Amino acid sequence: DCFVLIKQGKTTPLMPYSLRLHVIEADRI
């Protein structure tokens, strides 16, 4: 299995979207 954390990052004028994906190894859960 695999896990993906849904995070919010900083936005910029050229990138106004804050959604970030953080893929986590199965062993860390």
PDB file of all heavy atoms in Angstrom:
ATOM      1  N   ASP A   1       0.839  -1.183   0.000  1.00  0.00           N
ATOM      2  CA  ASP A   1       0.000   0.000   0.000  1.00  0.00           C
ATOM      3  C   ASP A   1       0.879   1.240   0.000  1.00  0.00           C
ATOM      4  O   ASP A   1       2.103   1.161   0.133  1.00  0.00           O
ATOM      5  CB  ASP A   1      -0.985   0.022   1.180  1.00  0.00           C
ATOM      6  CG  ASP A   1      -0.325  -0.247   2.530  1.00  0.00           C
ATOM      7  OD1 ASP A   1       0.910  -0.220   2.592  1.00  0.00           O
ATOM      8  OD2 ASP A   1      -1.047  -0.491   3.508  1.00  0.00           O
ATOM      9  N   CYS A   2       0.248   2.383  -0.180  1.00  0.00           N
ATOM     10  CA  CYS A   2       0.974   3.643  -0.253  1.00  0.00           C
ATOM     11  C   CYS A   2       0.048   4.735   0.279  1.00  0.00           C
ATOM     12  O   CYS A   2      -1.178   4.616   0.199  1.00  0.00           O
ATOM     13  CB  CYS A   2       1.388   3.936  -1.694  1.00  0.00           C
ATOM     14  SG  CYS A   2       2.420   5.416  -1.885  1.00  0.00           S
ATOM     15  N   PHE A   3       0.632   5.789   0.832  1.00  0.00           N
ATOM     16  CA  PHE A   3      -0.149   6.851   1.448  1.00  0.00           C
ATOM     17  C   PHE A   3       0.255   8.195   0.856  1.00  0.00           C
ATOM     18  O   PHE A   3       1.423   8.429   0.566  1.00  0.00           O
ATOM     19  CB  PHE A   3       0.050   6.862   2.958  1.00  0.00           C
ATOM     20  CG  PHE A   3      -0.403   5.602   3.634  1.00  0.00           C
ATOM     21  CD1 PHE A   3       0.427   4.480   3.663  1.00  0.00           C
ATOM     22  CD2 PHE A   3      -1.642   5.517   4.227  1.00  0.00           C
ATOM     23  CE1 PHE A   3       0.019   3.307   4.277  1.00  0.00           C
ATOM     24  CE2 PHE A   3      -2.062   4.347   4.847  1.00  0.00           C
ATOM     25  CZ  PHE A   3      -1.232   3.244   4.866  1.00  0.00           C
ATOM     26  N   VAL A   4      -0.732   9.062   0.699  1.00  0.00           N
ATOM     27  CA  VAL A   4      -0.480  10.407   0.172  1.00  0.00           C
ATOM     28  C   VAL A   4      -1.130  11.422   1.098  1.00  0.00           C
ATOM     29  O   VAL A   4      -2.358  11.442   1.253  1.00  0.00           O
ATOM     30  CB  VAL A   4      -1.037  10.576  -1.257  1.00  0.00           C
ATOM     31  CG1 VAL A   4      -0.670  11.966  -1.793  1.00  0.00           C
ATOM     32  CG2 VAL A   4      -0.508   9.488  -2.181  1.00  0.00           C
ATOM     33  N   LEU A   5      -0.311  12.244   1.731  1.00  0.00           N
ATOM     34  CA  LEU A   5      -0.822  13.308   2.596  1.00  0.00           C
ATOM     35  C   LEU A   5      -1.294  14.488   1.754  1.00  0.00           C
ATOM     36  O   LEU A   5      -0.625  14.900   0.794  1.00  0.00           O
ATOM     37  CB  LEU A   5       0.273  13.786   3.543  1.00  0.00           C
ATOM     38  CG  LEU A   5       0.473  13.033   4.854  1.00  0.00           C
ATOM     39  CD1 LEU A   5       1.660  13.613   5.607  1.00  0.00           C
ATOM     40  CD2 LEU A   5      -0.764  13.079   5.716  1.00  0.00           C
ATOM     41  N   ILE A   6      -2.464  15.024   2.103  1.00  0.00           N
ATOM     42  CA  ILE A   6      -2.974  16.218   1.446  1.00  0.00           C
ATOM     43  C   ILE A   6      -2.547  17.423   2.273  1.00  0.00           C
ATOM     44  O   ILE A   6      -2.980  17.605   3.411  1.00  0.00           O
ATOM     45  CB  ILE A   6      -4.507  16.185   1.343  1.00  0.00           C
ATOM     46  CG1 ILE A   6      -4.964  14.862   0.704  1.00  0.00           C
ATOM     47  CG2 ILE A   6      -5.017  17.378   0.555  1.00  0.00           C
ATOM     48  CD1 ILE A   6      -4.502  14.655  -0.708  1.00  0.00           C
ATOM     49  N   LYS A   7      -1.677  18.249   1.715  1.00  0.00           N
ATOM     50  CA  LYS A   7      -1.139  19.399   2.437  1.00  0.00           C
ATOM     51  C   LYS A   7      -1.500  20.712   1.748  1.00  0.00           C
ATOM     52  O   LYS A   7      -1.963  20.720   0.605  1.00  0.00           O
ATOM     53  CB  LYS A   7       0.386  19.291   2.554  1.00  0.00           C
ATOM     54  CG  LYS A   7       0.881  18.160   3.444  1.00  0.00           C
ATOM     55  CD  LYS A   7       2.398  18.210   3.567  1.00  0.00           C
ATOM     56  CE  LYS A   7       2.911  17.208   4.583  1.00  0.00           C
ATOM     57  NZ  LYS A   7       4.391  17.291   4.736  1.00  0.00           N
ATOM     58  N   GLN A   8      -1.263  21.793   2.451  1.00  0.00           N
ATOM     59  CA  GLN A   8      -1.446  23.130   1.895  1.00  0.00           C
ATOM     60  C   GLN A   8      -0.123  23.870   1.975  1.00  0.00           C
ATOM     61  O   GLN A   8       0.487  23.938   3.041  1.00  0.00           O
ATOM     62  CB  GLN A   8      -2.524  23.900   2.661  1.00  0.00           C
ATOM     63  CG  GLN A   8      -3.890  23.244   2.661  1.00  0.00           C
ATOM     64  CD  GLN A   8      -4.485  23.138   1.270  1.00  0.00           C
ATOM     65  OE1 GLN A   8      -4.336  24.059   0.455  1.00  0.00           O
ATOM     66  NE2 GLN A   8      -5.151  22.035   0.976  1.00  0.00           N
ATOM     67  N   GLY A   9       0.330  24.388   0.836  1.00  0.00           N
ATOM     68  CA  GLY A   9       1.595  25.107   0.786  1.00  0.00           C
ATOM     69  C   GLY A   9       1.389  26.592   0.535  1.00  0.00           C
ATOM     70  O   GLY A   9       0.260  27.087   0.478  1.00  0.00           O
ATOM     71  N   LYS A  10       2.488  27.289   0.362  1.00  0.00           N
ATOM     72  CA  LYS A  10       2.427  28.729   0.106  1.00  0.00           C
ATOM     73  C   LYS A  10       2.054  28.990  -1.352  1.00  0.00           C
ATOM     74  O   LYS A  10       2.411  28.246  -2.244  1.00  0.00           O
ATOM     75  CB  LYS A  10       3.780  29.378   0.427  1.00  0.00           C
ATOM     76  CG  LYS A  10       4.155  29.327   1.905  1.00  0.00           C
ATOM     77  CD  LYS A  10       5.482  30.023   2.144  1.00  0.00           C
ATOM     78  CE  LYS A  10       5.846  29.984   3.626  1.00  0.00           C
ATOM     79  NZ  LYS A  10       7.145  30.651   3.887  1.00  0.00           N
ATOM     80  N   THR A  11       1.336  30.074  -1.560  1.00  0.00           N
ATOM     81  CA  THR A  11       0.963  30.479  -2.914  1.00  0.00           C
ATOM     82  C   THR A  11       1.811  31.660  -3.363  1.00  0.00           C
ATOM     83  O   THR A  11       2.384  32.385  -2.546  1.00  0.00           O
ATOM     84  CB  THR A  11      -0.526  30.865  -2.976  1.00  0.00           C
ATOM     85  OG1 THR A  11      -0.763  31.970  -2.085  1.00  0.00           O
ATOM     86  CG2 THR A  11      -1.401  29.694  -2.543  1.00  0.00           C
ATOM     87  N   THR A  12       1.890  31.835  -4.671  1.00  0.00           N
ATOM     88  CA  THR A  12       2.605  32.962  -5.263  1.00  0.00           C
ATOM     89  C   THR A  12       1.720  33.563  -6.352  1.00  0.00           C
ATOM     90  O   THR A  12       0.740  32.941  -6.783  1.00  0.00           O
ATOM     91  CB  THR A  12       3.938  32.506  -5.882  1.00  0.00           C
ATOM     92  OG1 THR A  12       3.660  31.645  -7.004  1.00  0.00           O
ATOM     93  CG2 THR A  12       4.791  31.739  -4.869  1.00  0.00           C
ATOM     94  N   PRO A  13       2.041  34.757  -6.827  1.00  0.00           N
ATOM     95  CA  PRO A  13       1.240  35.350  -7.908  1.00  0.00           C
ATOM     96  C   PRO A  13       1.193  34.470  -9.161  1.00  0.00           C
ATOM     97  O   PRO A  13       0.192  34.463  -9.877  1.00  0.00           O
ATOM     98  CB  PRO A  13       1.957  36.675  -8.180  1.00  0.00           C
ATOM     99  CG  PRO A  13       2.602  37.024  -6.883  1.00  0.00           C
ATOM    100  CD  PRO A  13       3.029  35.717  -6.295  1.00  0.00           C
ATOM    101  N   LEU A  14       2.270  33.725  -9.409  1.00  0.00           N
ATOM    102  CA  LEU A  14       2.301  32.863 -10.591  1.00  0.00           C
ATOM    103  C   LEU A  14       1.759  31.469 -10.306  1.00  0.00           C
ATOM    104  O   LEU A  14       1.505  30.713 -11.250  1.00  0.00           O
ATOM    105  CB  LEU A  14       3.732  32.763 -11.124  1.00  0.00           C
ATOM    106  CG  LEU A  14       4.340  34.052 -11.652  1.00  0.00           C
ATOM    107  CD1 LEU A  14       5.771  33.812 -12.127  1.00  0.00           C
ATOM    108  CD2 LEU A  14       3.495  34.620 -12.803  1.00  0.00           C
ATOM    109  N   MET A  15       1.621  31.115  -9.034  1.00  0.00           N
ATOM    110  CA  MET A  15       1.079  29.805  -8.675  1.00  0.00           C
ATOM    111  C   MET A  15       0.098  29.995  -7.521  1.00  0.00           C
ATOM    112  O   MET A  15       0.473  29.916  -6.351  1.00  0.00           O
ATOM    113  CB  MET A  15       2.207  28.840  -8.303  1.00  0.00           C
ATOM    114  CG  MET A  15       1.712  27.432  -7.972  1.00  0.00           C
ATOM    115  SD  MET A  15       0.505  26.767  -9.149  1.00  0.00           S
ATOM    116  CE  MET A  15       1.482  26.772 -10.655  1.00  0.00           C
ATOM    117  N   PRO A  16      -1.171  30.289  -7.840  1.00  0.00           N
ATOM    118  CA  PRO A  16      -2.144  30.631  -6.796  1.00  0.00           C
ATOM    119  C   PRO A  16      -2.774  29.427  -6.095  1.00  0.00           C
ATOM    120  O   PRO A  16      -3.701  29.604  -5.310  1.00  0.00           O
ATOM    121  CB  PRO A  16      -3.211  31.401  -7.581  1.00  0.00           C
ATOM    122  CG  PRO A  16      -3.156  30.807  -8.951  1.00  0.00           C
ATOM    123  CD  PRO A  16      -1.719  30.437  -9.199  1.00  0.00           C
ATOM    124  N   TYR A  17      -2.272  28.210  -6.363  1.00  0.00           N
ATOM    125  CA  TYR A  17      -2.898  27.020  -5.799  1.00  0.00           C
ATOM    126  C   TYR A  17      -2.026  26.455  -4.673  1.00  0.00           C
ATOM    127  O   TYR A  17      -0.823  26.266  -4.829  1.00  0.00           O
ATOM    128  CB  TYR A  17      -3.114  25.966  -6.886  1.00  0.00           C
ATOM    129  CG  TYR A  17      -3.757  26.560  -8.111  1.00  0.00           C
ATOM    130  CD1 TYR A  17      -3.057  26.691  -9.302  1.00  0.00           C
ATOM    131  CD2 TYR A  17      -5.066  27.035  -8.055  1.00  0.00           C
ATOM    132  CE1 TYR A  17      -3.635  27.265 -10.412  1.00  0.00           C
ATOM    133  CE2 TYR A  17      -5.653  27.611  -9.155  1.00  0.00           C
ATOM    134  CZ  TYR A  17      -4.943  27.728 -10.340  1.00  0.00           C
ATOM    135  OH  TYR A  17      -5.519  28.307 -11.429  1.00  0.00           O
ATOM    136  N   SER A  18      -2.656  26.165  -3.540  1.00  0.00           N
ATOM    137  CA  SER A  18      -1.907  25.745  -2.356  1.00  0.00           C
ATOM    138  C   SER A  18      -1.862  24.236  -2.167  1.00  0.00           C
ATOM    139  O   SER A  18      -1.130  23.754  -1.299  1.00  0.00           O
ATOM    140  CB  SER A  18      -2.519  26.391  -1.108  1.00  0.00           C
ATOM    141  OG  SER A  18      -3.871  25.975  -0.948  1.00  0.00           O
ATOM    142  N   LEU A  19      -2.624  23.477  -2.944  1.00  0.00           N
ATOM    143  CA  LEU A  19      -2.677  22.021  -2.764  1.00  0.00           C
ATOM    144  C   LEU A  19      -1.316  21.381  -3.023  1.00  0.00           C
ATOM    145  O   LEU A  19      -0.682  21.621  -4.042  1.00  0.00           O
ATOM    146  CB  LEU A  19      -3.708  21.414  -3.721  1.00  0.00           C
ATOM    147  CG  LEU A  19      -3.817  19.886  -3.723  1.00  0.00           C
ATOM    148  CD1 LEU A  19      -4.300  19.374  -2.370  1.00  0.00           C
ATOM    149  CD2 LEU A  19      -4.750  19.414  -4.829  1.00  0.00           C
ATOM    150  N   ARG A  20      -0.859  20.548  -2.068  1.00  0.00           N
ATOM    151  CA  ARG A  20       0.396  19.811  -2.209  1.00  0.00           C
ATOM    152  C   ARG A  20       0.156  18.348  -1.841  1.00  0.00           C
ATOM    153  O   ARG A  20      -0.620  18.042  -0.935  1.00  0.00           O
ATOM    154  CB  ARG A  20       1.480  20.388  -1.274  1.00  0.00           C
ATOM    155  CG  ARG A  20       1.772  21.849  -1.488  1.00  0.00           C
ATOM    156  CD  ARG A  20       2.490  22.132  -2.808  1.00  0.00           C
ATOM    157  NE  ARG A  20       2.871  23.522  -2.903  1.00  0.00           N
ATOM    158  CZ  ARG A  20       2.089  24.484  -3.413  1.00  0.00           C
ATOM    159  NH1 ARG A  20       0.889  24.181  -3.863  1.00  0.00           N
ATOM    160  NH2 ARG A  20       2.512  25.741  -3.468  1.00  0.00           N
ATOM    161  N   LEU A  21       0.860  17.458  -2.532  1.00  0.00           N
ATOM    162  CA  LEU A  21       0.762  16.023  -2.275  1.00  0.00           C
ATOM    163  C   LEU A  21       2.093  15.519  -1.738  1.00  0.00           C
ATOM    164  O   LEU A  21       3.144  15.799  -2.308  1.00  0.00           O
ATOM    165  CB  LEU A  21       0.410  15.276  -3.566  1.00  0.00           C
ATOM    166  CG  LEU A  21      -0.853  15.734  -4.288  1.00  0.00           C
ATOM    167  CD1 LEU A  21      -1.042  14.950  -5.579  1.00  0.00           C
ATOM    168  CD2 LEU A  21      -2.076  15.600  -3.399  1.00  0.00           C
ATOM    169  N   HIS A  22       2.042  14.782  -0.634  1.00  0.00           N
ATOM    170  CA  HIS A  22       3.249  14.242  -0.010  1.00  0.00           C
ATOM    171  C   HIS A  22       3.117  12.728   0.054  1.00  0.00           C
ATOM    172  O   HIS A  22       2.352  12.198   0.860  1.00  0.00           O
ATOM    173  CB  HIS A  22       3.424  14.823   1.392  1.00  0.00           C
ATOM    174  CG  HIS A  22       4.707  14.444   2.046  1.00  0.00           C
ATOM    175  ND1 HIS A  22       5.148  15.004   3.228  1.00  0.00           N
ATOM    176  CD2 HIS A  22       5.673  13.546   1.698  1.00  0.00           C
ATOM    177  CE1 HIS A  22       6.310  14.475   3.570  1.00  0.00           C
ATOM    178  NE2 HIS A  22       6.643  13.576   2.660  1.00  0.00           N
ATOM    179  N   VAL A  23       3.859  12.031  -0.805  1.00  0.00           N
ATOM    180  CA  VAL A  23       3.810  10.566  -0.858  1.00  0.00           C
ATOM    181  C   VAL A  23       4.635   9.997   0.284  1.00  0.00           C
ATOM    182  O   VAL A  23       5.792  10.389   0.484  1.00  0.00           O
ATOM    183  CB  VAL A  23       4.331  10.050  -2.209  1.00  0.00           C
ATOM    184  CG1 VAL A  23       4.209   8.525  -2.277  1.00  0.00           C
ATOM    185  CG2 VAL A  23       3.567  10.688  -3.361  1.00  0.00           C
ATOM    186  N   ILE A  24       4.043   9.064   1.038  1.00  0.00           N
ATOM    187  CA  ILE A  24       4.692   8.497   2.218  1.00  0.00           C
ATOM    188  C   ILE A  24       4.870   6.998   2.042  1.00  0.00           C
ATOM    189  O   ILE A  24       3.951   6.297   1.597  1.00  0.00           O
ATOM    190  CB  ILE A  24       3.855   8.770   3.485  1.00  0.00           C
ATOM    191  CG1 ILE A  24       3.809  10.275   3.755  1.00  0.00           C
ATOM    192  CG2 ILE A  24       4.422   8.050   4.692  1.00  0.00           C
ATOM    193  CD1 ILE A  24       3.008  10.630   4.975  1.00  0.00           C
ATOM    194  N   GLU A  25       6.062   6.505   2.386  1.00  0.00           N
ATOM    195  CA  GLU A  25       6.345   5.074   2.345  1.00  0.00           C
ATOM    196  C   GLU A  25       5.441   4.321   3.314  1.00  0.00           C
ATOM    197  O   GLU A  25       5.100   4.818   4.388  1.00  0.00           O
ATOM    198  CB  GLU A  25       7.805   4.852   2.733  1.00  0.00           C
ATOM    199  CG  GLU A  25       8.315   3.450   2.458  1.00  0.00           C
ATOM    200  CD  GLU A  25       8.932   3.330   1.086  1.00  0.00           C
ATOM    201  OE1 GLU A  25       8.187   3.019   0.137  1.00  0.00           O
ATOM    202  OE2 GLU A  25      10.141   3.538   0.963  1.00  0.00           O
ATOM    203  N   ALA A  26       5.051   3.099   2.931  1.00  0.00           N
ATOM    204  CA  ALA A  26       4.131   2.301   3.744  1.00  0.00           C
ATOM    205  C   ALA A  26       4.671   2.063   5.150  1.00  0.00           C
ATOM    206  O   ALA A  26       3.894   2.000   6.120  1.00  0.00           O
ATOM    207  CB  ALA A  26       3.861   0.964   3.054  1.00  0.00           C
ATOM    208  N   ASP A  27       5.992   1.962   5.315  1.00  0.00           N
ATOM    209  CA  ASP A  27       6.595   1.663   6.612  1.00  0.00           C
ATOM    210  C   ASP A  27       6.377   2.769   7.645  1.00  0.00           C
ATOM    211  O   ASP A  27       6.430   2.518   8.844  1.00  0.00           O
ATOM    212  CB  ASP A  27       8.101   1.441   6.461  1.00  0.00           C
ATOM    213  CG  ASP A  27       8.422   0.467   5.349  1.00  0.00           C
ATOM    214  OD1 ASP A  27       8.212   0.823   4.166  1.00  0.00           O
ATOM    215  OD2 ASP A  27       8.869  -0.641   5.637  1.00  0.00           O
ATOM    216  N   ARG A  28       6.146   3.987   7.180  1.00  0.00           N
ATOM    217  CA  ARG A  28       6.003   5.103   8.118  1.00  0.00           C
ATOM    218  C   ARG A  28       4.616   5.166   8.748  1.00  0.00           C
ATOM    219  O   ARG A  28       4.414   5.903   9.710  1.00  0.00           O
ATOM    220  CB  ARG A  28       6.315   6.425   7.409  1.00  0.00           C
ATOM    221  CG  ARG A  28       7.801   6.600   7.093  1.00  0.00           C
ATOM    222  CD  ARG A  28       8.074   7.974   6.514  1.00  0.00           C
ATOM    223  NE  ARG A  28       7.652   9.028   7.426  1.00  0.00           N
ATOM    224  CZ  ARG A  28       7.538  10.306   7.062  1.00  0.00           C
ATOM    225  NH1 ARG A  28       7.794  10.671   5.812  1.00  0.00           N
ATOM    226  NH2 ARG A  28       7.155  11.216   7.946  1.00  0.00           N
ATOM    227  N   ILE A  29       3.669   4.421   8.224  1.00  0.00           N
ATOM    228  CA  ILE A  29       2.356   4.312   8.858  1.00  0.00           C
ATOM    229  C   ILE A  29       2.400   3.081   9.754  1.00  0.00           C
ATOM    230  O   ILE A  29       2.462   1.952   9.288  1.00  0.00           O
ATOM    231  CB  ILE A  29       1.233   4.162   7.812  1.00  0.00           C
ATOM    232  CG1 ILE A  29       1.313   5.290   6.790  1.00  0.00           C
ATOM    233  CG2 ILE A  29      -0.123   4.118   8.502  1.00  0.00           C
ATOM    234  CD1 ILE A  29       1.098   6.670   7.362  1.00  0.00           C
TER     235      ILE A  29
END
